[in-house]
Amino acid sequence: SAHSGSLHPVKEIGIVSGYGDQSVTLPRSCCRDTASTLCYSSVQVKDDISLDTAVFFTQGCAEKIIQVFDDHLIYLACAGLGVVLLEFLGLFFSLCLCCTNKNINDRKV
């Protein structure tokens, strides 16, 4: 599996200690396995501490959003172009309908 218990430094996921070494409890949103006791215990923040990827997510939210956007950019661009094309087709057909309606009204007189 992709998450087979490899270790990632705490510094990689944006957890840094401000004043010396301090213990922090990681948010539950960082826990991949919420049943793990490591999710409820404090983590000593040091540069050399590593997190188990089987228990914790190691990629931040902003990084993940950017990665998903980059991975699916072609689909988003195609969807946007499709919407623009539909809008122009709607505009074209509505103008055709208006012109046809005007021609019919002009011939009635």
N, C-alpha and C. Protein backbone atom coordinates (compact mmCIF):
# COMPACT_ATOMS: atom_id res chain seq x y z
N SER A 1 0.84 -1.19 0.00
CA SER A 1 0.00 0.00 0.00
C SER A 1 0.87 1.24 0.00
N ALA A 2 0.29 2.38 -0.36
CA ALA A 2 1.05 3.62 -0.45
C ALA A 2 1.46 4.14 0.91
N HIS A 3 0.70 3.81 1.94
CA HIS A 3 0.98 4.30 3.29
C HIS A 3 1.34 3.11 4.16
N SER A 4 2.51 2.56 3.97
CA SER A 4 2.90 1.37 4.69
C SER A 4 3.77 1.67 5.89
N GLY A 5 3.53 2.76 6.54
CA GLY A 5 4.22 3.04 7.78
C GLY A 5 5.55 3.75 7.61
N SER A 6 5.74 4.46 6.52
CA SER A 6 6.99 5.22 6.37
C SER A 6 6.94 6.44 7.28
N LEU A 7 8.11 7.01 7.53
CA LEU A 7 8.20 8.13 8.47
C LEU A 7 8.49 9.42 7.73
N HIS A 8 7.86 10.52 8.17
CA HIS A 8 8.08 11.85 7.62
C HIS A 8 8.44 12.79 8.76
N PRO A 9 9.44 13.65 8.55
CA PRO A 9 9.78 14.60 9.61
C PRO A 9 8.63 15.55 9.91
N VAL A 10 8.49 15.92 11.16
CA VAL A 10 7.44 16.84 11.60
C VAL A 10 7.58 18.17 10.87
N LYS A 11 8.79 18.59 10.60
CA LYS A 11 9.05 19.86 9.94
C LYS A 11 8.42 19.91 8.55
N GLU A 12 8.34 18.76 7.85
CA GLU A 12 7.78 18.70 6.50
C GLU A 12 6.31 19.09 6.46
N ILE A 13 5.56 18.82 7.51
CA ILE A 13 4.13 19.11 7.48
C ILE A 13 3.80 20.43 8.17
N GLY A 14 4.80 21.23 8.44
CA GLY A 14 4.58 22.58 8.93
C GLY A 14 4.44 22.71 10.43
N ILE A 15 4.83 21.71 11.19
CA ILE A 15 4.79 21.80 12.65
C ILE A 15 6.20 22.12 13.12
N VAL A 16 6.37 23.33 13.61
CA VAL A 16 7.68 23.74 14.10
C VAL A 16 7.52 24.26 15.52
N SER A 17 8.57 24.10 16.30
CA SER A 17 8.52 24.61 17.67
C SER A 17 8.98 26.05 17.67
N GLY A 18 8.26 26.89 18.39
CA GLY A 18 8.60 28.30 18.44
C GLY A 18 9.67 28.60 19.46
N TYR A 19 9.50 28.14 20.66
CA TYR A 19 10.42 28.45 21.75
C TYR A 19 10.89 27.15 22.38
N GLY A 20 12.02 26.67 21.93
CA GLY A 20 12.55 25.44 22.50
C GLY A 20 11.68 24.26 22.11
N ASP A 21 11.87 23.18 22.84
CA ASP A 21 11.08 21.98 22.57
C ASP A 21 9.76 22.08 23.33
N GLN A 22 8.69 21.78 22.64
CA GLN A 22 7.39 21.82 23.30
C GLN A 22 6.55 20.65 22.81
N SER A 23 5.61 20.23 23.64
CA SER A 23 4.71 19.16 23.26
C SER A 23 3.43 19.76 22.71
N VAL A 24 2.97 19.21 21.62
CA VAL A 24 1.71 19.64 21.03
C VAL A 24 0.87 18.41 20.74
N THR A 25 -0.42 18.60 20.80
CA THR A 25 -1.32 17.54 20.37
C THR A 25 -1.77 17.88 18.97
N LEU A 26 -1.51 16.98 18.05
CA LEU A 26 -1.89 17.23 16.67
C LEU A 26 -3.41 17.21 16.53
N PRO A 27 -3.97 18.01 15.65
CA PRO A 27 -5.42 18.00 15.46
C PRO A 27 -5.89 16.65 14.94
N ARG A 28 -7.12 16.30 15.24
CA ARG A 28 -7.66 15.01 14.79
C ARG A 28 -7.71 14.93 13.27
N SER A 29 -7.76 16.09 12.60
CA SER A 29 -7.77 16.07 11.14
C SER A 29 -6.44 15.58 10.57
N CYS A 30 -5.39 15.56 11.39
CA CYS A 30 -4.10 15.03 10.95
C CYS A 30 -4.04 13.50 11.08
N CYS A 31 -5.00 12.92 11.77
CA CYS A 31 -4.97 11.48 12.03
C CYS A 31 -5.61 10.70 10.89
N ARG A 32 -4.85 9.79 10.34
CA ARG A 32 -5.37 8.88 9.32
C ARG A 32 -6.13 7.74 10.02
N ASP A 33 -5.58 7.28 11.13
CA ASP A 33 -6.18 6.20 11.91
C ASP A 33 -6.64 6.79 13.25
N THR A 34 -7.92 7.17 13.33
CA THR A 34 -8.42 7.84 14.54
C THR A 34 -8.49 6.91 15.74
N ALA A 35 -8.39 5.61 15.53
CA ALA A 35 -8.42 4.66 16.65
C ALA A 35 -7.07 4.54 17.32
N SER A 36 -6.03 5.07 16.70
CA SER A 36 -4.68 4.96 17.25
C SER A 36 -4.54 5.81 18.51
N THR A 37 -3.82 5.28 19.48
CA THR A 37 -3.57 6.04 20.72
C THR A 37 -2.62 7.21 20.46
N LEU A 38 -1.84 7.17 19.38
CA LEU A 38 -0.94 8.27 19.06
C LEU A 38 -1.70 9.54 18.72
N CYS A 39 -2.94 9.41 18.25
CA CYS A 39 -3.75 10.59 17.91
C CYS A 39 -4.16 11.38 19.14
N TYR A 40 -4.18 10.73 20.29
CA TYR A 40 -4.63 11.39 21.51
C TYR A 40 -3.48 11.82 22.40
N SER A 41 -2.26 11.41 22.07
CA SER A 41 -1.12 11.77 22.91
C SER A 41 -0.42 12.99 22.34
N SER A 42 0.36 13.64 23.16
CA SER A 42 1.12 14.81 22.73
C SER A 42 2.36 14.36 21.97
N VAL A 43 2.75 15.17 21.01
CA VAL A 43 3.95 14.90 20.23
C VAL A 43 5.00 15.92 20.62
N GLN A 44 6.18 15.46 20.96
CA GLN A 44 7.28 16.36 21.27
C GLN A 44 7.80 16.92 19.95
N VAL A 45 7.71 18.23 19.78
CA VAL A 45 8.09 18.85 18.51
C VAL A 45 9.58 19.13 18.50
N LYS A 46 10.27 18.44 17.63
CA LYS A 46 11.70 18.64 17.38
C LYS A 46 11.89 18.45 15.88
N ASP A 47 12.98 18.98 15.37
CA ASP A 47 13.24 18.86 13.93
C ASP A 47 13.47 17.41 13.50
N ASP A 48 13.98 16.58 14.40
CA ASP A 48 14.31 15.22 13.99
C ASP A 48 13.20 14.21 14.32
N ILE A 49 12.08 14.66 14.88
CA ILE A 49 10.97 13.76 15.16
C ILE A 49 10.29 13.40 13.85
N SER A 50 9.93 12.15 13.68
CA SER A 50 9.24 11.72 12.47
C SER A 50 7.89 11.15 12.84
N LEU A 51 6.94 11.35 11.91
CA LEU A 51 5.58 10.85 12.12
C LEU A 51 5.35 9.61 11.26
N ASP A 52 4.62 8.67 11.80
CA ASP A 52 4.29 7.45 11.08
C ASP A 52 3.14 7.75 10.12
N THR A 53 3.36 7.52 8.82
CA THR A 53 2.32 7.85 7.83
C THR A 53 1.14 6.88 7.88
N ALA A 54 1.27 5.78 8.58
CA ALA A 54 0.13 4.88 8.75
C ALA A 54 -0.86 5.47 9.75
N VAL A 55 -0.40 6.38 10.60
CA VAL A 55 -1.24 6.98 11.63
C VAL A 55 -1.61 8.42 11.30
N PHE A 56 -0.66 9.19 10.74
CA PHE A 56 -0.87 10.61 10.50
C PHE A 56 -0.79 10.95 9.01
N PHE A 57 -1.61 11.91 8.59
CA PHE A 57 -1.45 12.49 7.26
C PHE A 57 -0.24 13.40 7.33
N THR A 58 0.56 13.38 6.30
CA THR A 58 1.80 14.17 6.33
C THR A 58 1.81 15.28 5.30
N GLN A 59 0.69 15.51 4.64
CA GLN A 59 0.62 16.58 3.65
C GLN A 59 -0.42 17.59 4.13
N GLY A 60 -0.06 18.87 4.11
CA GLY A 60 -0.96 19.92 4.56
C GLY A 60 -2.12 20.13 3.60
N CYS A 61 -3.17 20.81 4.06
CA CYS A 61 -4.37 21.03 3.26
C CYS A 61 -4.09 21.88 2.03
N ALA A 62 -3.34 22.96 2.20
CA ALA A 62 -3.06 23.84 1.06
C ALA A 62 -2.27 23.09 -0.01
N GLU A 63 -1.28 22.31 0.40
CA GLU A 63 -0.50 21.53 -0.55
C GLU A 63 -1.38 20.52 -1.28
N LYS A 64 -2.29 19.90 -0.56
CA LYS A 64 -3.16 18.88 -1.15
C LYS A 64 -4.12 19.52 -2.15
N ILE A 65 -4.68 20.68 -1.83
CA ILE A 65 -5.59 21.38 -2.74
C ILE A 65 -4.85 21.76 -4.02
N ILE A 66 -3.64 22.28 -3.89
CA ILE A 66 -2.85 22.66 -5.06
C ILE A 66 -2.51 21.43 -5.89
N GLN A 67 -2.18 20.33 -5.24
CA GLN A 67 -1.85 19.10 -5.96
C GLN A 67 -3.07 18.58 -6.73
N VAL A 68 -4.24 18.56 -6.09
CA VAL A 68 -5.46 18.09 -6.76
C VAL A 68 -5.80 19.01 -7.93
N PHE A 69 -5.66 20.32 -7.73
CA PHE A 69 -5.93 21.27 -8.81
C PHE A 69 -4.98 21.04 -9.98
N ASP A 70 -3.69 20.87 -9.69
CA ASP A 70 -2.71 20.62 -10.75
C ASP A 70 -2.98 19.29 -11.47
N ASP A 71 -3.35 18.27 -10.71
CA ASP A 71 -3.61 16.96 -11.31
C ASP A 71 -4.84 16.96 -12.21
N HIS A 72 -5.81 17.83 -11.93
CA HIS A 72 -7.07 17.84 -12.67
C HIS A 72 -7.28 19.12 -13.47
N LEU A 73 -6.22 19.84 -13.74
CA LEU A 73 -6.32 21.12 -14.44
C LEU A 73 -6.92 20.95 -15.84
N ILE A 74 -6.57 19.92 -16.56
CA ILE A 74 -7.09 19.72 -17.91
C ILE A 74 -8.61 19.51 -17.87
N TYR A 75 -9.11 18.79 -16.88
CA TYR A 75 -10.55 18.55 -16.77
C TYR A 75 -11.29 19.84 -16.42
N LEU A 76 -10.70 20.64 -15.52
CA LEU A 76 -11.32 21.91 -15.16
C LEU A 76 -11.34 22.87 -16.35
N ALA A 77 -10.25 22.89 -17.13
CA ALA A 77 -10.20 23.75 -18.31
C ALA A 77 -11.22 23.31 -19.35
N CYS A 78 -11.34 22.02 -19.58
CA CYS A 78 -12.33 21.51 -20.54
C CYS A 78 -13.75 21.82 -20.09
N ALA A 79 -14.03 21.68 -18.81
CA ALA A 79 -15.35 22.01 -18.30
C ALA A 79 -15.65 23.49 -18.48
N GLY A 80 -14.68 24.34 -18.21
CA GLY A 80 -14.85 25.79 -18.40
C GLY A 80 -15.09 26.14 -19.85
N LEU A 81 -14.32 25.54 -20.75
CA LEU A 81 -14.53 25.79 -22.18
C LEU A 81 -15.89 25.28 -22.65
N GLY A 82 -16.32 24.16 -22.09
CA GLY A 82 -17.64 23.63 -22.42
C GLY A 82 -18.75 24.59 -22.02
N VAL A 83 -18.64 25.17 -20.85
CA VAL A 83 -19.64 26.14 -20.37
C VAL A 83 -19.64 27.37 -21.27
N VAL A 84 -18.46 27.86 -21.63
CA VAL A 84 -18.37 29.03 -22.52
C VAL A 84 -18.99 28.72 -23.88
N LEU A 85 -18.72 27.53 -24.41
CA LEU A 85 -19.30 27.13 -25.70
C LEU A 85 -20.82 27.08 -25.62
N LEU A 86 -21.34 26.51 -24.56
CA LEU A 86 -22.81 26.47 -24.38
C LEU A 86 -23.41 27.86 -24.28
N GLU A 87 -22.73 28.75 -23.60
CA GLU A 87 -23.22 30.12 -23.49
C GLU A 87 -23.28 30.80 -24.87
N PHE A 88 -22.24 30.62 -25.68
CA PHE A 88 -22.23 31.21 -27.01
C PHE A 88 -23.28 30.59 -27.92
N LEU A 89 -23.48 29.28 -27.81
CA LEU A 89 -24.54 28.64 -28.60
C LEU A 89 -25.91 29.18 -28.19
N GLY A 90 -26.13 29.35 -26.90
CA GLY A 90 -27.39 29.92 -26.42
C GLY A 90 -27.59 31.33 -26.94
N LEU A 91 -26.54 32.13 -26.92
CA LEU A 91 -26.62 33.49 -27.44
C LEU A 91 -26.93 33.49 -28.93
N PHE A 92 -26.25 32.63 -29.70
CA PHE A 92 -26.47 32.54 -31.13
C PHE A 92 -27.91 32.14 -31.45
N PHE A 93 -28.42 31.11 -30.80
CA PHE A 93 -29.77 30.65 -31.09
C PHE A 93 -30.83 31.65 -30.63
N SER A 94 -30.57 32.37 -29.53
CA SER A 94 -31.54 33.38 -29.10
C SER A 94 -31.58 34.55 -30.08
N LEU A 95 -30.42 34.93 -30.65
CA LEU A 95 -30.40 35.98 -31.66
C LEU A 95 -31.11 35.52 -32.93
N CYS A 96 -30.90 34.26 -33.32
CA CYS A 96 -31.61 33.72 -34.49
C CYS A 96 -33.12 33.75 -34.27
N LEU A 97 -33.56 33.38 -33.08
CA LEU A 97 -34.99 33.38 -32.77
C LEU A 97 -35.54 34.80 -32.79
N CYS A 98 -34.81 35.76 -32.26
CA CYS A 98 -35.27 37.15 -32.27
C CYS A 98 -35.39 37.68 -33.70
N CYS A 99 -34.38 37.38 -34.53
CA CYS A 99 -34.41 37.85 -35.92
C CYS A 99 -35.55 37.19 -36.69
N THR A 100 -35.77 35.91 -36.46
CA THR A 100 -36.87 35.20 -37.14
C THR A 100 -38.20 35.76 -36.70
N ASN A 101 -38.36 36.01 -35.44
CA ASN A 101 -39.61 36.57 -34.91
C ASN A 101 -39.85 37.96 -35.49
N LYS A 102 -38.82 38.77 -35.62
CA LYS A 102 -38.95 40.11 -36.20
C LYS A 102 -39.38 40.03 -37.66
N ASN A 103 -38.79 39.08 -38.42
CA ASN A 103 -39.16 38.90 -39.83
C ASN A 103 -40.62 38.47 -39.98
N ILE A 104 -41.09 37.61 -39.10
CA ILE A 104 -42.48 37.15 -39.15
C ILE A 104 -43.42 38.32 -38.85
N ASN A 105 -43.08 39.13 -37.85
CA ASN A 105 -43.91 40.28 -37.50
C ASN A 105 -43.92 41.32 -38.62
N ASP A 106 -42.81 41.51 -39.32
CA ASP A 106 -42.75 42.47 -40.43
C ASP A 106 -43.62 42.03 -41.61
N ARG A 107 -43.77 40.75 -41.85
CA ARG A 107 -44.56 40.24 -42.97
C ARG A 107 -46.06 40.27 -42.68
N LYS A 108 -46.44 40.33 -41.41
CA LYS A 108 -47.86 40.36 -41.04
C LYS A 108 -48.51 41.68 -41.40
N VAL A 109 -47.78 42.71 -41.50
CA VAL A 109 -48.33 44.04 -41.71
C VAL A 109 -48.80 44.27 -43.09
